[in-house]
Amino acid sequence: HPVIEWLNDKLLATFGRHKAPVLAMKDHLSDNEAVFLMSGVIPNRKSHPLIHRWFGMHYIDGEFQDVLYLEPALDKCGLSPDGTIANPNATVDIKILQGILPDAVEQAREWMSANRDEFNAELEPKLNKHLEELKSLKQRKYAHIEEKYGAADNNLWSQLRDKRRQQEQHEVDKIFEETETWIRETMTTEDRPDIRVVAAFAGTNENTE
């Protein structure tokens, strides 16, 4: 999305860690209304990103309203698809947004955890299918080893063959155990949402106290 590309460029070029731009959108957001645009990532057991969501946390008068998916969040803030953002020359009370932010981050974590549960429910059949295919392949490898070495008897040659058979079976067990572990770690998520505040959009929200 052009707006996301613009924000990413601004973040990389202008803002340091734990900082994000605040944009006044008085023509689209009411007084004391705010939308925190966030990026949420949930990793798998190998710490690789598996779930990535862009969304907005919507607040009115400091109270959480709802979670907006990316397109509705951008539409609500009046962000043009061509990436242009007008400068309304309006004032935003940063302290008010800072007071809301901890709750917004916590709400975002809870929402991402719920996304994880849905994602896991969708992914579980695929995971089980991979594991069943792996189990079938392992059984075919076992059958091939049995066919290769044949039935055991008590002579010395048979004992040597049996030792080799056991060695190959051990190698198969090791390979398939490592493969199963890799599949599980790759396709299983950790409940550790990483939340990044990309930007805050607000009406004038000027503090009149």
Protein backbone atom coordinates (compact mmCIF):
# COMPACT_ATOMS: atom_id res chain seq x y z
CA HIS A 1 0.00 0.00 0.00
CA PRO A 2 1.45 3.42 -0.94
CA VAL A 3 0.70 4.91 2.48
CA ILE A 4 2.51 2.06 4.22
CA GLU A 5 5.49 2.53 1.90
CA TRP A 6 5.49 6.24 2.71
CA LEU A 7 5.33 5.59 6.45
CA ASN A 8 8.11 3.02 6.25
CA ASP A 9 10.32 5.50 4.41
CA LYS A 10 9.59 8.17 7.01
CA LEU A 11 10.21 5.82 9.91
CA LEU A 12 13.53 4.64 8.54
CA ALA A 13 14.72 8.11 7.57
CA THR A 14 13.43 10.22 10.47
CA PHE A 15 12.41 8.29 13.56
CA GLY A 16 14.53 6.26 15.94
CA ARG A 17 13.62 3.24 18.00
CA HIS A 18 10.43 3.60 20.11
CA LYS A 19 9.38 6.67 18.14
CA ALA A 20 6.60 7.17 15.59
CA PRO A 21 5.07 10.09 13.69
CA VAL A 22 1.86 11.79 14.88
CA LEU A 23 -0.38 13.19 12.15
CA ALA A 24 -3.28 15.57 12.71
CA MET A 25 -6.29 14.51 10.61
CA LYS A 26 -8.90 17.03 11.79
CA ASP A 27 -10.89 16.78 8.55
CA HIS A 28 -11.47 13.06 9.09
CA LEU A 29 -11.20 12.37 12.83
CA SER A 30 -13.32 14.07 15.48
CA ASP A 31 -11.89 15.96 18.42
CA ASN A 32 -10.49 13.50 20.99
CA GLU A 33 -10.54 10.67 18.41
CA ALA A 34 -7.39 8.76 17.56
CA VAL A 35 -6.22 5.79 15.53
CA PHE A 36 -2.92 4.09 16.29
CA LEU A 37 -1.61 2.34 13.19
CA MET A 38 0.27 -0.78 14.27
CA SER A 39 2.21 -3.68 12.88
CA GLY A 40 1.94 -7.00 14.71
CA VAL A 41 4.15 -10.05 14.19
CA ILE A 42 3.93 -13.50 15.77
CA PRO A 43 6.92 -15.83 15.25
CA ASN A 44 7.13 -19.59 14.93
CA ARG A 45 9.25 -21.69 17.30
CA LYS A 46 12.32 -20.88 15.21
CA SER A 47 11.71 -17.16 15.83
CA HIS A 48 10.81 -16.54 12.18
CA PRO A 49 7.78 -14.29 11.49
CA LEU A 50 4.76 -16.45 10.71
CA ILE A 51 1.82 -14.05 11.19
CA HIS A 52 2.06 -10.40 10.16
CA ARG A 53 -0.86 -7.99 10.47
CA TRP A 54 -1.29 -4.25 9.88
CA PHE A 55 -4.20 -2.71 11.79
CA GLY A 56 -5.48 0.34 13.62
CA MET A 57 -6.54 0.69 17.26
CA HIS A 58 -9.45 3.12 17.38
CA TYR A 59 -10.04 5.38 20.42
CA ILE A 60 -12.58 8.05 21.32
CA ASP A 61 -12.15 10.16 24.47
CA GLY A 62 -9.38 7.83 25.58
CA GLU A 63 -11.64 4.76 25.45
CA PHE A 64 -10.91 1.79 23.21
CA GLN A 65 -13.55 1.34 20.49
CA ASP A 66 -12.47 -1.36 18.08
CA VAL A 67 -9.73 -2.84 15.92
CA LEU A 68 -9.69 -1.72 12.30
CA TYR A 69 -8.03 -3.76 9.58
CA LEU A 70 -5.55 -1.87 7.43
CA GLU A 71 -7.82 -0.58 4.65
CA PRO A 72 -10.67 0.55 6.97
CA ALA A 73 -8.11 2.20 9.27
CA LEU A 74 -6.56 4.17 6.41
CA ASP A 75 -9.98 5.08 5.03
CA LYS A 76 -11.10 6.35 8.43
CA CYS A 77 -8.05 8.59 8.64
CA GLY A 78 -8.67 9.91 5.13
CA LEU A 79 -5.41 8.64 3.71
CA SER A 80 -5.43 8.77 -0.07
CA PRO A 81 -4.62 5.60 -2.07
CA ASP A 82 -2.08 7.67 -4.03
CA GLY A 83 -0.15 8.24 -0.83
CA THR A 84 -0.70 12.00 -0.52
CA ILE A 85 -1.22 13.29 3.01
CA ALA A 86 -2.37 16.86 3.47
CA ASN A 87 -0.94 19.07 6.18
CA PRO A 88 -3.91 20.60 8.05
CA ASN A 89 -1.69 22.82 10.21
CA ALA A 90 -3.51 21.59 13.34
CA THR A 91 -2.25 20.95 16.86
CA VAL A 92 -2.31 17.55 18.55
CA ASP A 93 -1.77 17.11 22.28
CA ILE A 94 0.93 14.45 22.33
CA LYS A 95 0.53 13.82 26.08
CA ILE A 96 -3.03 12.62 25.57
CA LEU A 97 -1.87 10.10 22.98
CA GLN A 98 0.99 9.00 25.22
CA GLY A 99 -1.52 8.33 27.99
CA ILE A 100 -3.60 6.11 25.71
CA LEU A 101 -0.68 4.29 24.12
CA PRO A 102 -0.01 1.60 26.81
CA ASP A 103 -3.62 0.44 26.62
CA ALA A 104 -3.49 0.46 22.81
CA VAL A 105 -0.41 -1.77 22.83
CA GLU A 106 -2.00 -4.18 25.33
CA GLN A 107 -5.22 -4.32 23.29
CA ALA A 108 -3.11 -4.99 20.19
CA ARG A 109 -1.30 -7.88 21.91
CA GLU A 110 -4.61 -9.46 22.90
CA TRP A 111 -5.96 -9.07 19.37
CA MET A 112 -2.84 -10.62 17.85
CA SER A 113 -3.08 -13.55 20.27
CA ALA A 114 -6.66 -14.11 19.09
CA ASN A 115 -5.35 -14.01 15.50
CA ARG A 116 -2.83 -16.65 16.50
CA ASP A 117 -5.58 -18.97 17.77
CA GLU A 118 -7.47 -18.60 14.47
CA PHE A 119 -4.28 -19.11 12.49
CA ASN A 120 -3.38 -22.25 14.45
CA ALA A 121 -6.87 -23.68 13.89
CA GLU A 122 -6.45 -23.16 10.13
CA LEU A 123 -2.89 -24.49 10.12
CA GLU A 124 -3.46 -27.62 12.22
CA PRO A 125 -4.90 -29.76 9.37
CA LYS A 126 -1.92 -28.86 7.17
CA LEU A 127 0.49 -29.72 9.99
CA ASN A 128 -1.21 -33.07 10.58
CA LYS A 129 -1.15 -33.81 6.86
CA HIS A 130 2.61 -33.18 6.69
CA LEU A 131 3.20 -35.40 9.71
CA GLU A 132 1.08 -38.23 8.26
CA GLU A 133 2.97 -38.02 4.96
CA LEU A 134 6.24 -38.12 6.89
CA LYS A 135 5.06 -41.17 8.85
CA SER A 136 4.10 -42.99 5.62
CA LEU A 137 7.47 -42.21 4.05
CA LYS A 138 9.26 -43.51 7.14
CA GLN A 139 7.31 -46.78 6.96
CA ARG A 140 8.28 -47.18 3.30
CA LYS A 141 11.93 -46.64 4.23
CA TYR A 142 11.62 -49.34 6.90
CA ALA A 143 10.04 -51.73 4.39
CA HIS A 144 12.85 -51.07 1.92
CA ILE A 145 15.46 -51.87 4.60
CA GLU A 146 13.69 -55.14 5.50
CA GLU A 147 13.51 -56.10 1.83
CA LYS A 148 17.18 -55.24 1.36
CA TYR A 149 18.51 -57.39 4.21
CA GLY A 150 15.93 -60.16 4.31
CA ALA A 151 15.10 -62.47 7.21
CA ALA A 152 17.67 -63.02 9.94
CA ASP A 153 19.22 -66.37 10.87
CA ASN A 154 21.98 -67.48 13.22
CA ASN A 155 25.05 -67.51 10.96
CA LEU A 156 27.79 -64.88 11.11
CA TRP A 157 26.85 -63.25 7.82
CA SER A 158 23.28 -62.86 9.01
CA GLN A 159 24.49 -61.24 12.22
CA LEU A 160 26.52 -58.72 10.22
CA ARG A 161 23.52 -58.00 8.01
CA ASP A 162 21.33 -57.53 11.09
CA LYS A 163 23.83 -55.04 12.52
CA ARG A 164 23.79 -53.07 9.26
CA ARG A 165 20.01 -53.22 9.21
CA GLN A 166 19.88 -51.74 12.70
CA GLN A 167 22.37 -49.02 11.73
CA GLU A 168 20.26 -48.00 8.72
CA GLN A 169 17.09 -48.04 10.79
CA HIS A 170 18.79 -45.82 13.37
CA GLU A 171 19.84 -43.39 10.61
CA VAL A 172 16.27 -43.33 9.29
CA ASP A 173 14.93 -42.69 12.80
CA LYS A 174 17.37 -39.83 13.30
CA ILE A 175 16.60 -38.18 9.95
CA PHE A 176 12.84 -38.42 10.39
CA GLU A 177 12.98 -37.23 13.98
CA GLU A 178 14.93 -34.14 12.90
CA THR A 179 12.52 -33.56 10.00
CA GLU A 180 9.46 -33.85 12.24
CA THR A 181 11.00 -31.41 14.72
CA TRP A 182 11.72 -28.96 11.91
CA ILE A 183 8.14 -29.19 10.60
CA ARG A 184 6.65 -28.66 14.06
CA GLU A 185 8.92 -25.73 14.89
CA THR A 186 8.31 -24.11 11.50
CA MET A 187 4.52 -24.47 11.55
CA THR A 188 3.85 -23.85 15.24
CA THR A 189 3.48 -20.28 16.52
CA GLU A 190 4.66 -18.83 19.80
CA ASP A 191 2.29 -16.61 21.77
CA ARG A 192 4.76 -13.71 21.73
CA PRO A 193 3.22 -10.90 19.66
CA ASP A 194 5.72 -8.22 18.68
CA ILE A 195 3.83 -4.94 18.42
CA ARG A 196 5.22 -1.91 16.61
CA VAL A 197 3.49 1.46 16.65
CA VAL A 198 3.87 2.75 13.11
CA ALA A 199 2.02 6.07 13.45
CA ALA A 200 -0.70 7.86 15.39
CA PHE A 201 -3.51 9.75 13.70
CA ALA A 202 -5.68 12.15 15.67
CA GLY A 203 -8.21 14.95 15.53
CA THR A 204 -7.09 18.11 17.23
CA ASN A 205 -7.60 16.50 20.70
CA GLU A 206 -6.39 19.75 22.25
CA ASN A 207 -6.31 19.66 26.02
CA THR A 208 -8.57 22.42 27.30
CA GLU A 209 -7.57 22.09 30.97
